[in-house]
Structure formats: structure tokens, C-alpha cells
Amino acid sequence: MKKITQLLMVIMLFACATTMVKAQKVGLKTNFLYWATTTPNLGVEMALGNKWTLDLNGGYNGWEFDNNKKFKHFSVLPEVRYWTCEAFNGHFFGLHGLVSEYNVGNIDLNIKPFDKLKGYRYEGWAYGVGLTYGYQFVLSKHWNLEASISGGYVHTTYDKFNCEKCGKKIDEDSKNYFGPTKATISIIYLIK
């Protein structure tokens, strides 16, 4: 928990320092793909210059479903972006980080690595970094639509529990993952 607090403090200090940039443009956003996982989310993106922005997104899912199914998690995803034309318009490339605390389990999916969730619950932390490619479509003076895809590395540490034996802990482990880390289809409201 101490690492998360320190990370959030650094991000908040960096975000506060960037608000002193003159002629700042700020966008408030939400990711529809994240909502599709029943996860409420919100983001803010701030211009750091003509071709650079800082994007900070977070999501929280506290729901429990029938039959002890869980997809609880809290995630923070900061990203620095370089725009090929100008900030908030067209193609961009990004470097993102991610940190997440999770408690997921008893979900029947046939998608790796989630195919091992049926009958088990995993509780732990994930940390990672990755690269992003995306595009923002200008819809009007204050509205944009964003699509992006990211890939990278994630390290996770977790405890494994048996869902059928009263939640008895049966293992603890850590894993490394290389692959897709984030996807967005977001609506953005721009504040000038």
C-alpha cells in the first residue's frame, strides 16, 4: 500500500505542476470499453505543450455478481503522449504505466490468461509499462472521440483461493505477462 500511496503522490504533484502551463488545454474523458467490463472510470488529459500531453485514467469496480463471481479492482494508468500533428488532434504515441489492485474469480472465460478463473479467486497487485498508438477524432470545439491500443509488460503478485472450499488459500505466486495492456474508445470533453 505504501508504494501505491507514493506513486499517487508523484502523479498528483506532476499533474499540479503542469497546471501552471499557459494556454493549457484539458480534456475530461471516459473509456467505453472499460465500462463494458462493468468498471466506472474517469480520466483527465492535460496539454504539456503543442505536441505533448499527460493522460491520467483510473477505474474502480467494486461489484460482486451471482455465484460468488467477482471482478473487483482499482486501476490507475498514467501516460505521456506525443502527438504527430498537435495535442488532442490526430495520431499519437504514448508511454504508459499501470498499477492495479484486484480480487477476481469464479468467472468462466475461454480467453487466456483468464481461462483459469473458474472455481478459483485471485487477489493481488499488478504493475506494468507499455507503448500506445492512438488517434483522436475532432467532433466539435469541445468534443473528441479517441481510439487507442497498447501493449507491454505486466508483473503481478497474487494469492490463489479455492471458491468451493470456503475460500481456503491454496497458493501464492507471481507472473510476468507480455501482450495487450490497454484499449480505449473514449469520449472526451475539452476545456479550454
N, C-alpha and C. Protein backbone atom coordinates (compact mmCIF):
# COMPACT_ATOMS: atom_id res chain seq x y z
N MET A 1 0.82 -1.19 0.00
CA MET A 1 0.00 0.00 0.00
C MET A 1 0.87 1.26 0.00
N LYS A 2 2.04 1.17 0.63
CA LYS A 2 2.94 2.32 0.70
C LYS A 2 3.41 2.72 -0.70
N LYS A 3 3.69 1.72 -1.57
CA LYS A 3 4.13 2.00 -2.93
C LYS A 3 3.05 2.73 -3.71
N ILE A 4 1.80 2.32 -3.54
CA ILE A 4 0.68 2.95 -4.24
C ILE A 4 0.53 4.39 -3.79
N THR A 5 0.60 4.63 -2.50
CA THR A 5 0.48 5.99 -1.97
C THR A 5 1.58 6.88 -2.53
N GLN A 6 2.81 6.37 -2.58
CA GLN A 6 3.92 7.14 -3.12
C GLN A 6 3.72 7.43 -4.61
N LEU A 7 3.27 6.43 -5.36
CA LEU A 7 3.03 6.61 -6.79
C LEU A 7 1.94 7.66 -7.03
N LEU A 8 0.86 7.58 -6.29
CA LEU A 8 -0.23 8.55 -6.44
C LEU A 8 0.22 9.96 -6.08
N MET A 9 1.06 10.09 -5.06
CA MET A 9 1.58 11.41 -4.68
C MET A 9 2.44 12.00 -5.80
N VAL A 10 3.30 11.20 -6.40
CA VAL A 10 4.16 11.68 -7.50
C VAL A 10 3.29 12.11 -8.68
N ILE A 11 2.29 11.31 -9.02
CA ILE A 11 1.40 11.64 -10.14
C ILE A 11 0.65 12.94 -9.85
N MET A 12 0.13 13.09 -8.63
CA MET A 12 -0.61 14.29 -8.28
C MET A 12 0.29 15.53 -8.31
N LEU A 13 1.52 15.43 -7.81
CA LEU A 13 2.45 16.55 -7.85
C LEU A 13 2.78 16.94 -9.28
N PHE A 14 3.00 15.93 -10.15
CA PHE A 14 3.29 16.19 -11.55
C PHE A 14 2.11 16.86 -12.23
N ALA A 15 0.89 16.37 -11.93
CA ALA A 15 -0.31 16.95 -12.51
C ALA A 15 -0.50 18.39 -12.05
N CYS A 16 -0.26 18.67 -10.78
CA CYS A 16 -0.39 20.04 -10.25
C CYS A 16 0.64 20.97 -10.90
N ALA A 17 1.86 20.48 -11.10
CA ALA A 17 2.90 21.31 -11.72
C ALA A 17 2.55 21.67 -13.15
N THR A 18 1.88 20.77 -13.86
CA THR A 18 1.55 21.03 -15.26
C THR A 18 0.41 22.04 -15.40
N THR A 19 -0.35 22.28 -14.35
CA THR A 19 -1.44 23.24 -14.45
C THR A 19 -0.93 24.66 -14.56
N MET A 20 0.35 24.87 -14.33
CA MET A 20 0.92 26.21 -14.44
C MET A 20 1.31 26.55 -15.88
N VAL A 21 1.18 25.61 -16.80
CA VAL A 21 1.49 25.86 -18.20
C VAL A 21 0.46 26.82 -18.77
N LYS A 22 0.90 27.87 -19.46
CA LYS A 22 -0.02 28.85 -20.02
C LYS A 22 -0.78 28.25 -21.20
N ALA A 23 -1.99 28.77 -21.43
CA ALA A 23 -2.86 28.33 -22.52
C ALA A 23 -3.12 26.83 -22.45
N GLN A 24 -3.29 26.37 -21.25
CA GLN A 24 -3.49 24.94 -21.02
C GLN A 24 -4.82 24.47 -21.59
N LYS A 25 -4.78 23.32 -22.23
CA LYS A 25 -5.98 22.66 -22.70
C LYS A 25 -6.12 21.39 -21.87
N VAL A 26 -7.33 21.12 -21.38
CA VAL A 26 -7.58 19.96 -20.54
C VAL A 26 -8.77 19.20 -21.10
N GLY A 27 -8.69 17.88 -21.09
CA GLY A 27 -9.81 17.04 -21.53
C GLY A 27 -10.24 16.10 -20.42
N LEU A 28 -11.55 16.02 -20.20
CA LEU A 28 -12.13 15.03 -19.29
C LEU A 28 -12.68 13.90 -20.13
N LYS A 29 -12.45 12.65 -19.72
CA LYS A 29 -12.81 11.53 -20.59
C LYS A 29 -13.30 10.33 -19.82
N THR A 30 -13.96 9.45 -20.56
CA THR A 30 -14.33 8.13 -20.03
C THR A 30 -14.19 7.12 -21.16
N ASN A 31 -13.76 5.90 -20.81
CA ASN A 31 -13.48 4.84 -21.77
C ASN A 31 -14.66 3.86 -21.82
N PHE A 32 -15.34 3.81 -22.97
CA PHE A 32 -16.49 2.91 -23.13
C PHE A 32 -16.11 1.44 -23.01
N LEU A 33 -14.92 1.06 -23.46
CA LEU A 33 -14.51 -0.35 -23.37
C LEU A 33 -14.33 -0.76 -21.91
N TYR A 34 -13.86 0.14 -21.07
CA TYR A 34 -13.72 -0.14 -19.64
C TYR A 34 -15.10 -0.27 -18.98
N TRP A 35 -16.05 0.58 -19.42
CA TRP A 35 -17.43 0.46 -18.92
C TRP A 35 -18.01 -0.90 -19.29
N ALA A 36 -17.61 -1.46 -20.44
CA ALA A 36 -18.13 -2.77 -20.86
C ALA A 36 -17.74 -3.89 -19.90
N THR A 37 -16.72 -3.66 -19.08
CA THR A 37 -16.34 -4.64 -18.06
C THR A 37 -16.99 -4.32 -16.72
N THR A 38 -18.02 -3.50 -16.74
CA THR A 38 -18.76 -3.01 -15.57
C THR A 38 -17.89 -2.14 -14.66
N THR A 39 -16.89 -1.47 -15.24
CA THR A 39 -15.97 -0.66 -14.45
C THR A 39 -16.18 0.83 -14.71
N PRO A 40 -16.75 1.56 -13.74
CA PRO A 40 -16.81 3.02 -13.88
C PRO A 40 -15.39 3.58 -13.94
N ASN A 41 -15.18 4.56 -14.83
CA ASN A 41 -13.84 5.11 -15.00
C ASN A 41 -13.91 6.57 -15.41
N LEU A 42 -12.82 7.27 -15.13
CA LEU A 42 -12.72 8.68 -15.46
C LEU A 42 -11.26 9.00 -15.73
N GLY A 43 -11.04 9.93 -16.64
CA GLY A 43 -9.68 10.33 -16.94
C GLY A 43 -9.58 11.82 -17.16
N VAL A 44 -8.38 12.33 -17.05
CA VAL A 44 -8.08 13.72 -17.37
C VAL A 44 -6.80 13.74 -18.19
N GLU A 45 -6.80 14.55 -19.24
CA GLU A 45 -5.62 14.70 -20.08
C GLU A 45 -5.29 16.18 -20.17
N MET A 46 -4.01 16.51 -19.93
CA MET A 46 -3.57 17.89 -19.89
C MET A 46 -2.47 18.13 -20.91
N ALA A 47 -2.58 19.23 -21.64
CA ALA A 47 -1.54 19.61 -22.60
C ALA A 47 -0.30 20.08 -21.84
N LEU A 48 0.84 19.56 -22.24
CA LEU A 48 2.13 19.99 -21.68
C LEU A 48 2.87 20.91 -22.64
N GLY A 49 2.39 20.97 -23.87
CA GLY A 49 2.98 21.77 -24.94
C GLY A 49 2.15 21.54 -26.19
N ASN A 50 2.67 21.98 -27.33
CA ASN A 50 1.93 21.82 -28.59
C ASN A 50 1.77 20.36 -29.00
N LYS A 51 2.76 19.52 -28.67
CA LYS A 51 2.73 18.13 -29.12
C LYS A 51 2.80 17.10 -27.99
N TRP A 52 2.70 17.54 -26.75
CA TRP A 52 2.81 16.63 -25.62
C TRP A 52 1.61 16.78 -24.68
N THR A 53 1.11 15.64 -24.17
CA THR A 53 0.05 15.66 -23.16
C THR A 53 0.36 14.62 -22.09
N LEU A 54 -0.25 14.83 -20.92
CA LEU A 54 -0.21 13.87 -19.83
C LEU A 54 -1.63 13.37 -19.64
N ASP A 55 -1.82 12.06 -19.73
CA ASP A 55 -3.13 11.43 -19.59
C ASP A 55 -3.12 10.61 -18.30
N LEU A 56 -4.13 10.79 -17.46
CA LEU A 56 -4.24 10.04 -16.21
C LEU A 56 -5.65 9.47 -16.12
N ASN A 57 -5.75 8.14 -16.14
CA ASN A 57 -7.04 7.45 -16.08
C ASN A 57 -7.09 6.53 -14.87
N GLY A 58 -8.29 6.36 -14.37
CA GLY A 58 -8.48 5.45 -13.26
C GLY A 58 -9.84 4.79 -13.34
N GLY A 59 -9.93 3.59 -12.81
CA GLY A 59 -11.20 2.87 -12.78
C GLY A 59 -11.34 2.09 -11.48
N TYR A 60 -12.59 1.95 -11.04
CA TYR A 60 -12.86 1.19 -9.83
C TYR A 60 -14.08 0.31 -10.06
N ASN A 61 -13.91 -0.98 -9.80
CA ASN A 61 -15.02 -1.92 -9.90
C ASN A 61 -15.15 -2.62 -8.56
N GLY A 62 -16.24 -2.38 -7.87
CA GLY A 62 -16.47 -2.98 -6.56
C GLY A 62 -17.60 -3.98 -6.53
N TRP A 63 -18.03 -4.42 -7.71
CA TRP A 63 -19.22 -5.28 -7.80
C TRP A 63 -18.92 -6.74 -7.49
N GLU A 64 -19.90 -7.39 -6.88
CA GLU A 64 -19.92 -8.85 -6.75
C GLU A 64 -21.15 -9.34 -7.49
N PHE A 65 -21.01 -10.44 -8.20
CA PHE A 65 -22.10 -10.97 -9.02
C PHE A 65 -22.62 -12.27 -8.42
N ASP A 66 -23.64 -12.84 -9.04
CA ASP A 66 -24.20 -14.11 -8.59
C ASP A 66 -23.15 -15.21 -8.59
N ASN A 67 -23.37 -16.24 -7.78
CA ASN A 67 -22.50 -17.42 -7.70
C ASN A 67 -21.05 -17.07 -7.32
N ASN A 68 -20.89 -16.04 -6.47
CA ASN A 68 -19.57 -15.64 -5.98
C ASN A 68 -18.60 -15.22 -7.09
N LYS A 69 -19.14 -14.70 -8.21
CA LYS A 69 -18.29 -14.18 -9.28
C LYS A 69 -17.85 -12.78 -8.90
N LYS A 70 -16.56 -12.49 -9.11
CA LYS A 70 -16.00 -11.19 -8.74
C LYS A 70 -15.10 -10.68 -9.86
N PHE A 71 -15.16 -9.37 -10.05
CA PHE A 71 -14.23 -8.69 -10.95
C PHE A 71 -13.84 -7.36 -10.30
N LYS A 72 -13.56 -7.42 -8.99
CA LYS A 72 -13.22 -6.22 -8.23
C LYS A 72 -11.79 -5.79 -8.55
N HIS A 73 -11.63 -4.49 -8.78
CA HIS A 73 -10.28 -3.96 -8.97
C HIS A 73 -10.29 -2.44 -8.91
N PHE A 74 -9.12 -1.90 -8.67
CA PHE A 74 -8.85 -0.48 -8.71
C PHE A 74 -7.61 -0.31 -9.56
N SER A 75 -7.67 0.54 -10.59
CA SER A 75 -6.54 0.71 -11.50
C SER A 75 -6.25 2.18 -11.75
N VAL A 76 -4.97 2.50 -11.88
CA VAL A 76 -4.51 3.83 -12.26
C VAL A 76 -3.56 3.66 -13.43
N LEU A 77 -3.79 4.43 -14.51
CA LEU A 77 -2.99 4.31 -15.73
C LEU A 77 -2.51 5.68 -16.20
N PRO A 78 -1.33 6.14 -15.78
CA PRO A 78 -0.78 7.40 -16.30
C PRO A 78 -0.08 7.15 -17.64
N GLU A 79 -0.13 8.18 -18.51
CA GLU A 79 0.51 8.04 -19.82
C GLU A 79 0.99 9.40 -20.31
N VAL A 80 2.21 9.43 -20.85
CA VAL A 80 2.74 10.61 -21.53
C VAL A 80 2.58 10.35 -23.02
N ARG A 81 2.03 11.34 -23.74
CA ARG A 81 1.74 11.18 -25.17
C ARG A 81 2.46 12.21 -26.03
N TYR A 82 2.91 11.74 -27.21
CA TYR A 82 3.48 12.61 -28.23
C TYR A 82 2.54 12.60 -29.42
N TRP A 83 2.14 13.78 -29.88
CA TRP A 83 1.19 13.92 -30.98
C TRP A 83 1.94 14.29 -32.25
N THR A 84 1.60 13.64 -33.38
CA THR A 84 2.32 13.90 -34.63
C THR A 84 1.91 15.23 -35.26
N CYS A 85 0.70 15.72 -34.97
CA CYS A 85 0.23 16.99 -35.52
C CYS A 85 0.19 18.04 -34.42
N GLU A 86 -0.82 17.97 -33.57
CA GLU A 86 -0.96 18.86 -32.42
C GLU A 86 -1.72 18.10 -31.34
N ALA A 87 -1.58 18.54 -30.10
CA ALA A 87 -2.24 17.87 -28.98
C ALA A 87 -3.75 17.82 -29.20
N PHE A 88 -4.33 16.68 -28.89
CA PHE A 88 -5.77 16.43 -28.97
C PHE A 88 -6.30 16.38 -30.41
N ASN A 89 -5.43 16.08 -31.38
CA ASN A 89 -5.87 16.03 -32.77
C ASN A 89 -5.01 15.06 -33.56
N GLY A 90 -5.60 13.97 -34.01
CA GLY A 90 -4.90 13.05 -34.90
C GLY A 90 -4.15 11.94 -34.18
N HIS A 91 -3.04 11.50 -34.81
CA HIS A 91 -2.25 10.37 -34.32
C HIS A 91 -1.43 10.75 -33.09
N PHE A 92 -1.27 9.77 -32.18
CA PHE A 92 -0.38 9.96 -31.03
C PHE A 92 0.28 8.64 -30.66
N PHE A 93 1.44 8.76 -30.00
CA PHE A 93 2.17 7.62 -29.46
C PHE A 93 2.37 7.90 -27.98
N GLY A 94 2.27 6.87 -27.15
CA GLY A 94 2.37 7.09 -25.72
C GLY A 94 3.21 6.05 -25.01
N LEU A 95 3.66 6.43 -23.83
CA LEU A 95 4.34 5.55 -22.90
C LEU A 95 3.50 5.57 -21.63
N HIS A 96 2.95 4.40 -21.26
CA HIS A 96 2.06 4.36 -20.10
C HIS A 96 2.56 3.42 -19.03
N GLY A 97 2.09 3.69 -17.83
CA GLY A 97 2.31 2.81 -16.70
C GLY A 97 0.96 2.31 -16.22
N LEU A 98 0.98 1.30 -15.39
CA LEU A 98 -0.28 0.85 -14.80
C LEU A 98 0.01 0.22 -13.45
N VAL A 99 -0.93 0.44 -12.55
CA VAL A 99 -0.89 -0.21 -11.25
C VAL A 99 -2.33 -0.57 -10.92
N SER A 100 -2.51 -1.77 -10.39
CA SER A 100 -3.86 -2.23 -10.11
C SER A 100 -3.87 -3.18 -8.93
N GLU A 101 -4.87 -3.03 -8.08
CA GLU A 101 -5.14 -3.99 -7.02
C GLU A 101 -6.40 -4.73 -7.45
N TYR A 102 -6.40 -6.06 -7.32
CA TYR A 102 -7.54 -6.82 -7.84
C TYR A 102 -7.96 -7.95 -6.92
N ASN A 103 -9.21 -8.36 -7.09
CA ASN A 103 -9.82 -9.50 -6.40
C ASN A 103 -10.84 -10.07 -7.38
N VAL A 104 -10.40 -11.01 -8.22
CA VAL A 104 -11.26 -11.55 -9.29
C VAL A 104 -11.35 -13.07 -9.16
N GLY A 105 -12.49 -13.60 -9.59
CA GLY A 105 -12.58 -15.04 -9.55
C GLY A 105 -13.94 -15.62 -9.89
N ASN A 106 -13.91 -16.94 -10.07
CA ASN A 106 -15.07 -17.76 -10.37
C ASN A 106 -15.79 -17.28 -11.63
N ILE A 107 -15.01 -16.80 -12.60
CA ILE A 107 -15.55 -16.33 -13.87
C ILE A 107 -15.17 -17.35 -14.93
N ASP A 108 -16.15 -17.77 -15.73
CA ASP A 108 -15.94 -18.79 -16.75
C ASP A 108 -15.67 -18.12 -18.10
N LEU A 109 -14.38 -17.93 -18.42
CA LEU A 109 -13.97 -17.34 -19.70
C LEU A 109 -13.08 -18.31 -20.44
N ASN A 110 -13.20 -18.34 -21.73
CA ASN A 110 -12.32 -19.18 -22.56
C ASN A 110 -11.26 -18.33 -23.24
N ILE A 111 -10.76 -17.31 -22.55
CA ILE A 111 -9.75 -16.40 -23.10
C ILE A 111 -8.54 -16.46 -22.19
N LYS A 112 -7.38 -16.82 -22.74
CA LYS A 112 -6.15 -16.84 -21.94
C LYS A 112 -5.75 -15.43 -21.60
N PRO A 113 -5.26 -15.08 -20.44
CA PRO A 113 -4.94 -15.95 -19.32
C PRO A 113 -6.10 -16.10 -18.33
N PHE A 114 -7.30 -15.66 -18.71
CA PHE A 114 -8.45 -15.67 -17.80
C PHE A 114 -9.18 -17.00 -17.75
N ASP A 115 -8.73 -18.00 -18.49
CA ASP A 115 -9.42 -19.29 -18.54
C ASP A 115 -9.24 -20.10 -17.25
N LYS A 116 -8.39 -19.63 -16.33
CA LYS A 116 -8.15 -20.35 -15.07
C LYS A 116 -8.93 -19.75 -13.89
N LEU A 117 -9.89 -18.89 -14.17
CA LEU A 117 -10.64 -18.23 -13.10
C LEU A 117 -11.80 -19.07 -12.58
N LYS A 118 -12.30 -20.01 -13.35
CA LYS A 118 -13.45 -20.82 -12.93
C LYS A 118 -13.07 -21.67 -11.72
N GLY A 119 -13.81 -21.47 -10.61
CA GLY A 119 -13.57 -22.24 -9.39
C GLY A 119 -12.51 -21.68 -8.48
N TYR A 120 -11.83 -20.61 -8.92
CA TYR A 120 -10.75 -20.03 -8.12
C TYR A 120 -10.91 -18.51 -8.05
N ARG A 121 -10.27 -17.94 -7.03
CA ARG A 121 -10.25 -16.49 -6.86
C ARG A 121 -8.80 -16.06 -6.70
N TYR A 122 -8.44 -14.95 -7.36
CA TYR A 122 -7.09 -14.41 -7.30
C TYR A 122 -7.15 -13.01 -6.72
N GLU A 123 -6.28 -12.76 -5.74
CA GLU A 123 -6.24 -11.46 -5.07
C GLU A 123 -4.80 -10.99 -5.06
N GLY A 124 -4.55 -9.77 -5.57
CA GLY A 124 -3.18 -9.29 -5.59
C GLY A 124 -3.01 -7.94 -6.24
N TRP A 125 -1.76 -7.69 -6.69
CA TRP A 125 -1.35 -6.43 -7.29
C TRP A 125 -0.73 -6.68 -8.65
N ALA A 126 -0.89 -5.71 -9.56
CA ALA A 126 -0.25 -5.77 -10.87
C ALA A 126 0.40 -4.42 -11.16
N TYR A 127 1.61 -4.46 -11.73
CA TYR A 127 2.36 -3.26 -12.11
C TYR A 127 2.86 -3.47 -13.53
N GLY A 128 2.86 -2.42 -14.34
CA GLY A 128 3.35 -2.61 -15.69
C GLY A 128 3.65 -1.32 -16.42
N VAL A 129 4.21 -1.49 -17.62
CA VAL A 129 4.52 -0.39 -18.54
C VAL A 129 4.22 -0.85 -19.95
N GLY A 130 3.98 0.11 -20.83
CA GLY A 130 3.72 -0.26 -22.21
C GLY A 130 3.75 0.92 -23.15
N LEU A 131 3.59 0.61 -24.43
CA LEU A 131 3.56 1.61 -25.50
C LEU A 131 2.16 1.66 -26.09
N THR A 132 1.75 2.85 -26.52
CA THR A 132 0.41 3.07 -27.04
C THR A 132 0.47 3.70 -28.42
N TYR A 133 -0.46 3.30 -29.28
CA TYR A 133 -0.74 4.04 -30.52
C TYR A 133 -2.22 4.38 -30.50
N GLY A 134 -2.54 5.63 -30.87
CA GLY A 134 -3.94 6.01 -30.89
C GLY A 134 -4.22 7.16 -31.83
N TYR A 135 -5.50 7.48 -31.91
CA TYR A 135 -5.96 8.55 -32.78
C TYR A 135 -7.14 9.24 -32.10
N GLN A 136 -7.15 10.59 -32.13
CA GLN A 136 -8.31 11.34 -31.65
C GLN A 136 -8.97 12.03 -32.83
N PHE A 137 -10.28 11.82 -32.91
CA PHE A 137 -11.11 12.44 -33.93
C PHE A 137 -11.75 13.69 -33.32
N VAL A 138 -11.59 14.83 -33.96
CA VAL A 138 -12.22 16.06 -33.51
C VAL A 138 -13.67 16.04 -33.97
N LEU A 139 -14.60 16.08 -33.02
CA LEU A 139 -16.03 16.06 -33.34
C LEU A 139 -16.61 17.48 -33.38
N SER A 140 -16.15 18.33 -32.47
CA SER A 140 -16.60 19.72 -32.40
C SER A 140 -15.58 20.49 -31.57
N LYS A 141 -15.89 21.73 -31.25
CA LYS A 141 -14.96 22.56 -30.49
C LYS A 141 -14.61 21.94 -29.14
N HIS A 142 -15.57 21.29 -28.50
CA HIS A 142 -15.35 20.76 -27.15
C HIS A 142 -15.39 19.23 -27.06
N TRP A 143 -15.66 18.53 -28.14
CA TRP A 143 -15.82 17.07 -28.07
C TRP A 143 -14.88 16.35 -29.03
N ASN A 144 -14.21 15.31 -28.51
CA ASN A 144 -13.36 14.42 -29.31
C ASN A 144 -13.74 12.97 -29.04
N LEU A 145 -13.37 12.11 -29.97
CA LEU A 145 -13.51 10.66 -29.80
C LEU A 145 -12.13 10.07 -29.97
N GLU A 146 -11.74 9.19 -29.05
CA GLU A 146 -10.39 8.61 -29.07
C GLU A 146 -10.47 7.09 -29.21
N ALA A 147 -9.56 6.54 -30.00
CA ALA A 147 -9.37 5.09 -30.09
C ALA A 147 -7.88 4.82 -29.94
N SER A 148 -7.53 3.83 -29.10
CA SER A 148 -6.11 3.50 -28.93
C SER A 148 -5.96 2.03 -28.53
N ILE A 149 -4.74 1.54 -28.74
CA ILE A 149 -4.38 0.18 -28.35
C ILE A 149 -2.97 0.24 -27.76
N SER A 150 -2.75 -0.55 -26.70
CA SER A 150 -1.46 -0.54 -26.01
C SER A 150 -0.98 -1.96 -25.78
N GLY A 151 0.31 -2.12 -25.75
CA GLY A 151 0.93 -3.41 -25.42
C GLY A 151 2.15 -3.17 -24.57
N GLY A 152 2.47 -4.18 -23.74
CA GLY A 152 3.63 -4.01 -22.89
C GLY A 152 3.83 -5.17 -21.93
N TYR A 153 4.38 -4.84 -20.76
CA TYR A 153 4.78 -5.81 -19.75
C TYR A 153 4.01 -5.55 -18.46
N VAL A 154 3.55 -6.63 -17.82
CA VAL A 154 2.88 -6.54 -16.52
C VAL A 154 3.46 -7.61 -15.60
N HIS A 155 3.77 -7.21 -14.36
CA HIS A 155 4.19 -8.16 -13.32
C HIS A 155 3.09 -8.18 -12.28
N THR A 156 2.65 -9.37 -11.90
CA THR A 156 1.59 -9.48 -10.91
C THR A 156 1.99 -10.45 -9.81
N THR A 157 1.62 -10.11 -8.59
CA THR A 157 1.78 -11.00 -7.43
C THR A 157 0.39 -11.26 -6.88
N TYR A 158 0.11 -12.50 -6.49
CA TYR A 158 -1.25 -12.83 -6.08
C TYR A 158 -1.30 -14.00 -5.12
N ASP A 159 -2.43 -14.07 -4.41
CA ASP A 159 -2.81 -15.23 -3.61
C ASP A 159 -3.95 -15.91 -4.34
N LYS A 160 -3.93 -17.25 -4.37
CA LYS A 160 -4.97 -18.03 -5.06
C LYS A 160 -5.82 -18.74 -4.01
N PHE A 161 -7.15 -18.65 -4.17
CA PHE A 161 -8.10 -19.24 -3.24
C PHE A 161 -9.02 -20.20 -3.97
N ASN A 162 -9.47 -21.23 -3.27
CA ASN A 162 -10.44 -22.19 -3.82
C ASN A 162 -11.84 -21.69 -3.49
N CYS A 163 -12.66 -21.44 -4.51
CA CYS A 163 -14.01 -20.91 -4.31
C CYS A 163 -14.94 -21.95 -3.69
N GLU A 164 -14.70 -23.24 -3.92
CA GLU A 164 -15.62 -24.26 -3.43
C GLU A 164 -15.30 -24.74 -2.01
N LYS A 165 -14.18 -24.36 -1.46
CA LYS A 165 -13.81 -24.82 -0.12
C LYS A 165 -13.72 -23.64 0.84
N CYS A 166 -14.80 -22.85 0.85
CA CYS A 166 -14.93 -21.73 1.79
C CYS A 166 -13.79 -20.72 1.67
N GLY A 167 -13.26 -20.55 0.47
CA GLY A 167 -12.25 -19.53 0.26
C GLY A 167 -10.89 -19.85 0.81
N LYS A 168 -10.55 -21.12 0.96
CA LYS A 168 -9.26 -21.52 1.51
C LYS A 168 -8.12 -21.14 0.55
N LYS A 169 -7.08 -20.48 1.11
CA LYS A 169 -5.91 -20.11 0.31
C LYS A 169 -5.13 -21.37 -0.04
N ILE A 170 -4.83 -21.53 -1.34
CA ILE A 170 -4.13 -22.73 -1.78
C ILE A 170 -2.77 -22.46 -2.41
N ASP A 171 -2.48 -21.17 -2.71
CA ASP A 171 -1.21 -20.88 -3.37
C ASP A 171 -0.95 -19.38 -3.34
N GLU A 172 0.30 -19.02 -3.50
CA GLU A 172 0.69 -17.64 -3.76
C GLU A 172 1.80 -17.68 -4.78
N ASP A 173 1.79 -16.71 -5.68
CA ASP A 173 2.73 -16.76 -6.79
C ASP A 173 2.86 -15.38 -7.42
N SER A 174 3.72 -15.29 -8.42
CA SER A 174 3.83 -14.08 -9.24
C SER A 174 4.02 -14.51 -10.68
N LYS A 175 3.59 -13.68 -11.58
CA LYS A 175 3.67 -13.97 -13.01
C LYS A 175 4.11 -12.73 -13.76
N ASN A 176 4.74 -12.96 -14.92
CA ASN A 176 5.10 -11.89 -15.85
C ASN A 176 4.29 -12.09 -17.11
N TYR A 177 3.80 -10.99 -17.68
CA TYR A 177 2.95 -11.05 -18.85
C TYR A 177 3.43 -10.05 -19.88
N PHE A 178 3.51 -10.46 -21.14
CA PHE A 178 3.79 -9.58 -22.27
C PHE A 178 2.62 -9.70 -23.24
N GLY A 179 2.05 -8.57 -23.64
CA GLY A 179 0.93 -8.60 -24.56
C GLY A 179 0.12 -7.32 -24.47
N PRO A 180 -1.15 -7.37 -24.92
CA PRO A 180 -2.01 -6.19 -24.84
C PRO A 180 -2.22 -5.77 -23.37
N THR A 181 -2.14 -4.48 -23.11
CA THR A 181 -2.31 -3.96 -21.76
C THR A 181 -3.47 -2.99 -21.62
N LYS A 182 -3.92 -2.40 -22.74
CA LYS A 182 -4.98 -1.40 -22.65
C LYS A 182 -5.58 -1.19 -24.02
N ALA A 183 -6.89 -0.90 -24.06
CA ALA A 183 -7.58 -0.50 -25.28
C ALA A 183 -8.60 0.56 -24.90
N THR A 184 -8.78 1.56 -25.77
CA THR A 184 -9.74 2.62 -25.45
C THR A 184 -10.62 2.95 -26.64
N ILE A 185 -11.84 3.25 -26.35
CA ILE A 185 -12.74 4.02 -27.21
C ILE A 185 -13.38 4.99 -26.23
N SER A 186 -12.89 6.22 -26.24
CA SER A 186 -13.26 7.20 -25.23
C SER A 186 -13.91 8.43 -25.83
N ILE A 187 -14.83 8.99 -25.08
CA ILE A 187 -15.40 10.29 -25.41
C ILE A 187 -14.70 11.31 -24.51
N ILE A 188 -14.34 12.46 -25.08
CA ILE A 188 -13.56 13.47 -24.37
C ILE A 188 -14.25 14.82 -24.47
N TYR A 189 -14.38 15.48 -23.32
CA TYR A 189 -14.87 16.86 -23.30
C TYR A 189 -13.68 17.77 -23.05
N LEU A 190 -13.41 18.68 -23.97
CA LEU A 190 -12.26 19.57 -23.89
C LEU A 190 -12.63 20.88 -23.22
N ILE A 191 -11.84 21.27 -22.23
CA ILE A 191 -11.99 22.55 -21.54
C ILE A 191 -10.85 23.43 -22.01
N LYS A 192 -11.15 24.63 -22.49
CA LYS A 192 -10.07 25.50 -22.98
C LYS A 192 -9.83 26.64 -22.04
